[in-house]
Protein backbone atom coordinates (compact mmCIF):
# COMPACT_ATOMS: atom_id res chain seq x y z
CA MET A 1 4.77 -17.39 -0.50
CA HIS A 2 2.21 -16.50 -3.17
CA TYR A 3 -1.04 -15.31 -1.56
CA VAL A 4 -3.47 -14.06 -4.23
CA SER A 5 -3.69 -14.08 -8.04
CA ALA A 6 -6.41 -12.44 -10.10
CA GLU A 7 -6.88 -12.69 -13.84
CA GLY A 8 -9.34 -10.63 -15.84
CA LEU A 9 -11.55 -9.49 -12.95
CA THR A 10 -14.53 -7.41 -14.04
CA LYS A 11 -17.24 -5.86 -11.86
CA SER A 12 -20.15 -3.67 -12.90
CA TYR A 13 -23.08 -1.99 -11.23
CA GLY A 14 -25.62 -1.10 -13.89
CA ALA A 15 -24.36 -0.37 -17.39
CA GLU A 16 -20.97 1.06 -16.41
CA PRO A 17 -18.16 -1.22 -15.18
CA LEU A 18 -16.26 -0.24 -12.04
CA PHE A 19 -13.21 -2.04 -13.41
CA ARG A 20 -12.68 -4.25 -16.44
CA SER A 21 -10.37 -7.26 -16.91
CA ILE A 22 -7.83 -6.33 -14.21
CA SER A 23 -5.07 -8.74 -13.16
CA PHE A 24 -2.68 -8.65 -10.21
CA HIS A 25 -0.66 -10.70 -7.72
CA ILE A 26 -0.12 -10.38 -3.97
CA SER A 27 2.80 -12.13 -2.27
CA GLU A 28 3.71 -12.53 1.39
CA GLY A 29 5.12 -9.31 2.84
CA ASP A 30 3.65 -6.96 0.22
CA LYS A 31 2.37 -3.65 1.55
CA ILE A 32 0.12 -2.15 -1.11
CA GLY A 33 -1.82 1.12 -1.21
CA LEU A 34 -4.97 1.12 -3.39
CA ILE A 35 -6.07 4.55 -4.57
CA ALA A 36 -8.77 5.89 -6.90
CA ARG A 37 -11.51 8.47 -7.08
CA ASN A 38 -14.63 7.81 -5.00
CA GLY A 39 -17.06 5.40 -6.65
CA VAL A 40 -14.47 3.68 -8.85
CA GLY A 41 -14.56 0.35 -6.98
CA LYS A 42 -11.90 0.29 -4.25
CA SER A 43 -14.19 -1.05 -1.51
CA THR A 44 -15.85 -3.42 -3.96
CA LEU A 45 -12.49 -4.95 -4.87
CA LEU A 46 -11.74 -5.53 -1.18
CA ARG A 47 -15.10 -7.26 -0.72
CA ILE A 48 -14.40 -9.50 -3.72
CA LEU A 49 -11.03 -10.53 -2.26
CA SER A 50 -12.66 -11.23 1.12
CA GLY A 51 -15.33 -13.41 -0.51
CA GLN A 52 -18.25 -11.11 0.31
CA GLU A 53 -19.01 -10.42 -3.36
CA PRO A 54 -18.30 -12.37 -6.55
CA PRO A 55 -16.71 -10.79 -9.63
CA ASP A 56 -18.81 -10.66 -12.80
CA GLU A 57 -15.96 -12.19 -14.78
CA GLY A 58 -12.44 -13.44 -14.22
CA LYS A 59 -10.53 -15.90 -12.06
CA LEU A 60 -9.42 -15.45 -8.47
CA PHE A 61 -6.93 -17.73 -6.67
CA ILE A 62 -6.44 -17.43 -2.90
CA HIS A 63 -3.94 -19.73 -1.17
CA LYS A 64 -5.65 -22.39 0.93
CA ASP A 65 -3.56 -21.54 4.03
CA LEU A 66 -4.28 -17.80 3.82
CA THR A 67 -6.48 -15.94 6.31
CA VAL A 68 -8.09 -12.84 4.79
CA ALA A 69 -9.02 -10.12 7.30
CA LEU A 70 -11.04 -7.08 6.20
CA PHE A 71 -11.42 -3.87 8.19
CA GLU A 72 -14.43 -2.06 6.68
CA GLN A 73 -15.62 1.55 6.87
CA ASP A 74 -18.98 0.51 8.32
CA PRO A 75 -18.34 -2.35 10.79
CA VAL A 76 -21.21 -4.64 11.79
CA PHE A 77 -21.67 -5.58 15.46
CA ASN A 78 -24.22 -7.25 17.69
CA GLU A 79 -25.72 -4.02 19.00
CA GLU A 80 -26.98 -5.57 22.24
CA GLY A 81 -23.68 -7.30 23.02
CA LEU A 82 -20.94 -5.89 25.22
CA VAL A 83 -17.77 -4.38 23.79
CA SER A 84 -15.75 -7.24 25.33
CA ASP A 85 -17.94 -9.76 23.46
CA GLN A 86 -17.13 -8.09 20.13
CA LEU A 87 -13.45 -7.53 20.89
CA PHE A 88 -12.76 -11.14 21.97
CA HIS A 89 -15.20 -12.99 19.73
CA SER A 90 -12.86 -15.89 18.89
CA ASN A 91 -13.64 -19.17 20.66
CA HIS A 92 -9.96 -19.98 21.14
CA PRO A 93 -9.28 -20.71 24.84
CA VAL A 94 -6.42 -18.19 25.05
CA VAL A 95 -8.56 -15.40 23.59
CA GLN A 96 -11.41 -16.20 25.98
CA LEU A 97 -8.99 -16.31 28.91
CA ILE A 98 -7.61 -12.88 28.03
CA ARG A 99 -11.17 -11.59 27.74
CA ALA A 100 -11.93 -12.82 31.27
CA TYR A 101 -8.63 -11.41 32.58
CA GLU A 102 -9.09 -7.95 31.02
CA THR A 103 -12.67 -7.77 32.32
CA ALA A 104 -11.58 -8.73 35.84
CA VAL A 105 -8.85 -6.10 35.78
CA GLU A 106 -11.25 -3.40 34.57
CA GLU A 107 -13.82 -4.34 37.25
CA GLN A 108 -11.08 -4.78 39.90
CA ASN A 109 -12.49 -8.22 40.66
CA GLU A 110 -9.92 -9.50 43.16
CA ALA A 111 -11.88 -12.71 43.82
CA THR A 112 -11.25 -14.12 40.32
CA LEU A 113 -7.86 -12.59 39.51
CA PRO A 114 -5.64 -15.19 41.28
CA ASP A 115 -7.19 -18.10 39.35
CA LEU A 116 -7.00 -16.14 36.08
CA LEU A 117 -3.34 -15.34 36.70
CA ASP A 118 -2.57 -19.04 37.21
CA ARG A 119 -4.40 -19.97 34.03
CA MET A 120 -2.53 -17.25 32.10
CA ASP A 121 0.73 -18.85 33.23
CA THR A 122 -0.46 -22.36 32.34
CA LEU A 123 -1.54 -21.43 28.81
CA GLN A 124 1.48 -19.14 28.27
CA ALA A 125 -0.86 -16.34 27.29
CA TRP A 126 1.18 -13.39 28.54
CA ASP A 127 2.91 -12.54 25.26
CA PHE A 128 -0.38 -12.20 23.45
CA GLU A 129 -1.93 -10.36 26.40
CA VAL A 130 0.82 -7.74 26.14
CA LYS A 131 -0.06 -7.22 22.47
CA VAL A 132 -3.78 -7.01 23.27
CA LYS A 133 -3.11 -4.53 26.07
CA GLN A 134 -1.09 -2.35 23.73
CA ILE A 135 -3.87 -2.34 21.13
CA VAL A 136 -6.74 -1.52 23.49
CA THR A 137 -4.69 1.10 25.36
CA ARG A 138 -3.44 2.90 22.28
CA LEU A 139 -6.92 2.94 20.73
CA GLU A 140 -8.49 3.96 24.07
CA ILE A 141 -10.85 0.98 24.30
CA ASN A 142 -11.59 1.57 27.99
CA PHE A 143 -15.28 0.68 27.92
CA LEU A 144 -15.32 -3.12 27.80
CA ARG A 145 -18.54 -3.50 29.80
CA ARG A 146 -20.61 -1.04 27.75
CA PRO A 147 -23.20 -2.25 25.19
CA VAL A 148 -22.17 -1.58 21.60
CA ARG A 149 -25.39 0.37 20.95
CA GLU A 150 -24.17 3.12 23.29
CA LEU A 151 -20.94 3.79 21.40
CA SER A 152 -20.30 6.86 19.26
CA GLY A 153 -19.24 6.54 15.63
CA GLY A 154 -15.60 7.08 16.51
CA GLN A 155 -15.69 4.51 19.32
CA ARG A 156 -17.25 1.94 16.97
CA LYS A 157 -14.49 2.45 14.39
CA ARG A 158 -11.77 2.12 17.04
CA LEU A 159 -13.45 -1.03 18.39
CA ALA A 160 -13.57 -2.53 14.89
CA LEU A 161 -9.91 -1.67 14.32
CA ALA A 162 -8.86 -3.18 17.66
CA ARG A 163 -10.88 -6.35 16.94
CA THR A 164 -9.21 -6.73 13.54
CA LEU A 165 -5.69 -6.26 14.91
CA ILE A 166 -6.36 -8.76 17.72
CA ASP A 167 -7.76 -11.30 15.26
CA ILE A 168 -4.70 -11.18 12.99
CA GLY A 169 -2.24 -11.09 15.88
CA PHE A 170 -3.12 -14.50 17.22
CA ASP A 171 -2.56 -17.96 15.78
CA HIS A 172 -2.45 -16.90 12.12
CA ARG A 173 0.73 -17.73 10.24
CA HIS A 174 -0.34 -16.32 6.87
CA THR A 175 -2.65 -13.33 6.84
CA LEU A 176 -3.69 -10.76 4.25
CA LEU A 177 -4.92 -7.67 6.09
CA MET A 178 -7.15 -5.39 4.01
CA MET A 179 -8.03 -2.00 5.50
CA ASP A 180 -10.60 0.47 4.17
CA GLU A 181 -9.90 3.99 5.51
CA PRO A 182 -8.48 2.88 8.89
CA THR A 183 -7.40 6.37 10.02
CA ASN A 184 -10.89 7.87 10.05
CA HIS A 185 -11.84 8.87 13.64
CA LEU A 186 -8.26 8.43 14.89
CA ASP A 187 -6.29 11.28 16.44
CA VAL A 188 -2.69 12.06 15.46
CA GLU A 189 -1.13 9.91 18.21
CA MET A 190 -3.29 6.90 17.27
CA ILE A 191 -2.38 7.27 13.59
CA GLU A 192 1.32 7.46 14.40
CA TRP A 193 1.04 4.36 16.59
CA LEU A 194 -0.85 2.47 13.85
CA GLU A 195 1.85 3.42 11.32
CA HIS A 196 4.52 1.98 13.62
CA TYR A 197 2.44 -1.13 14.39
CA LEU A 198 1.85 -1.99 10.72
CA ARG A 199 5.51 -1.41 9.85
CA GLN A 200 6.87 -3.65 12.61
CA GLU A 201 4.31 -6.45 12.28
CA ARG A 202 5.07 -9.10 9.66
CA VAL A 203 1.75 -8.52 7.93
CA THR A 204 0.80 -8.47 4.27
CA LEU A 205 -1.29 -5.36 3.68
CA LEU A 206 -3.74 -4.00 1.10
CA LEU A 207 -4.71 -0.49 2.20
CA VAL A 208 -7.31 2.03 1.02
CA THR A 209 -6.88 5.53 2.43
CA HIS A 210 -7.06 9.21 1.48
CA ASP A 211 -4.34 9.97 4.04
CA ARG A 212 -1.30 10.40 1.80
CA TYR A 213 1.14 10.67 4.73
CA PHE A 214 -0.14 7.39 6.21
CA LEU A 215 0.00 5.77 2.77
CA ASP A 216 3.60 6.87 2.31
CA ALA A 217 4.57 5.64 5.78
CA VAL A 218 3.29 2.05 5.56
CA THR A 219 3.20 1.00 1.87
CA ASP A 220 5.88 0.26 -0.70
CA GLU A 221 3.66 -0.31 -3.74
CA ILE A 222 0.77 1.73 -5.17
CA TRP A 223 -2.17 0.40 -7.17
CA GLU A 224 -4.40 2.90 -8.93
CA LEU A 225 -7.85 2.16 -10.33
CA GLU A 226 -8.48 4.61 -13.17
CA ARG A 227 -10.72 4.51 -16.23
CA GLU A 228 -11.66 0.87 -15.50
CA HIS A 229 -8.00 -0.23 -15.43
CA LEU A 230 -5.49 -1.08 -12.69
CA TYR A 231 -2.06 0.55 -12.83
CA VAL A 232 0.74 -0.85 -10.60
CA TYR A 233 3.61 1.33 -9.37
CA LYS A 234 6.50 -0.15 -7.38
CA GLY A 235 7.74 2.26 -4.72
CA ASP A 236 6.29 4.85 -2.35
CA TYR A 237 3.66 7.51 -3.01
CA ALA A 238 6.20 10.12 -4.15
CA HIS A 239 7.57 7.66 -6.74
CA TYR A 240 3.99 6.92 -7.84
CA MET A 241 3.34 10.63 -8.48
CA GLU A 242 6.49 10.97 -10.58
CA THR A 243 5.84 7.78 -12.57
CA LYS A 244 2.18 8.64 -13.16
CA ALA A 245 3.11 12.10 -14.44
CA ALA A 246 5.52 10.50 -16.91
CA ARG A 247 2.84 8.00 -18.00
CA LEU A 248 0.25 10.74 -18.58
CA GLU A 249 2.78 12.80 -20.55
CA SER A 250 3.53 9.80 -22.74
CA GLU A 251 -0.18 9.11 -23.27
CA GLN A 252 -0.79 12.75 -24.16
CA ALA A 253 2.03 12.65 -26.71
CA GLY A 254 0.47 9.51 -28.20
CA TRP A 255 -2.90 11.22 -28.50
CA GLU A 256 -1.33 14.25 -30.17
CA GLN A 257 0.49 12.03 -32.64
CA ALA A 258 -2.74 10.15 -33.43
CA ARG A 259 -4.63 13.44 -33.81
CA ASN A 260 -2.03 14.85 -36.20
CA LEU A 261 -2.12 11.64 -38.25
CA TYR A 262 -5.92 11.90 -38.41
CA ARG A 263 -5.72 15.46 -39.69
CA LYS A 264 -3.17 14.42 -42.30
CA GLU A 265 -5.28 11.50 -43.51
């Protein structure tokens, strides 16, 4: 299934463009790593694809059945709300039931647990609850009843990551997951778990990260924003490095040939 098409996208801040007239396609099952120097427009491109910003020029097609999920570097929460409110913010009855169940378990509320267990059976919510339990356990979200304002920077990032993974794991047939530096504030075990999770889940991924090992583990295509252009390399990060070196060598040879012709003329 074809998810996203972009033709001639251009975005500028001030006089200098971040990128100019770039085109690309994203299909179901693609796992793409987006790399560039800082300030070149990686995060801006993700915000354009998520609908948070418009391009200055160009056309963007997003399939009508596609859900676009964006994990950002600086997540926004209701600071006075509880962690459980932010984690299970969907109004879907199964999500709200799991929220009540997880809270009762954490508080050891034996008065409400029997009824919640019956409702979990009725709504067949156990499969999704297992996935939720894995996410919150692996990311050490063991503070459901704390206000968000009390969380450290690392806890906030892990909460945002858990919320994103829960959102895309439930009731979404077609999802494009975009992640901006997801491994920041994660320890080695969490990163290894996230690698495994993203590989085994049938998710279409557009990933921005400076972690080359993580990039190599979860992506099979590299996009590079450089000098206002987008270069696409099929294959892993090692293949990207080899192919880019060959491209730069060819460009250098072209410049030398042009320079020699200029001297001759």
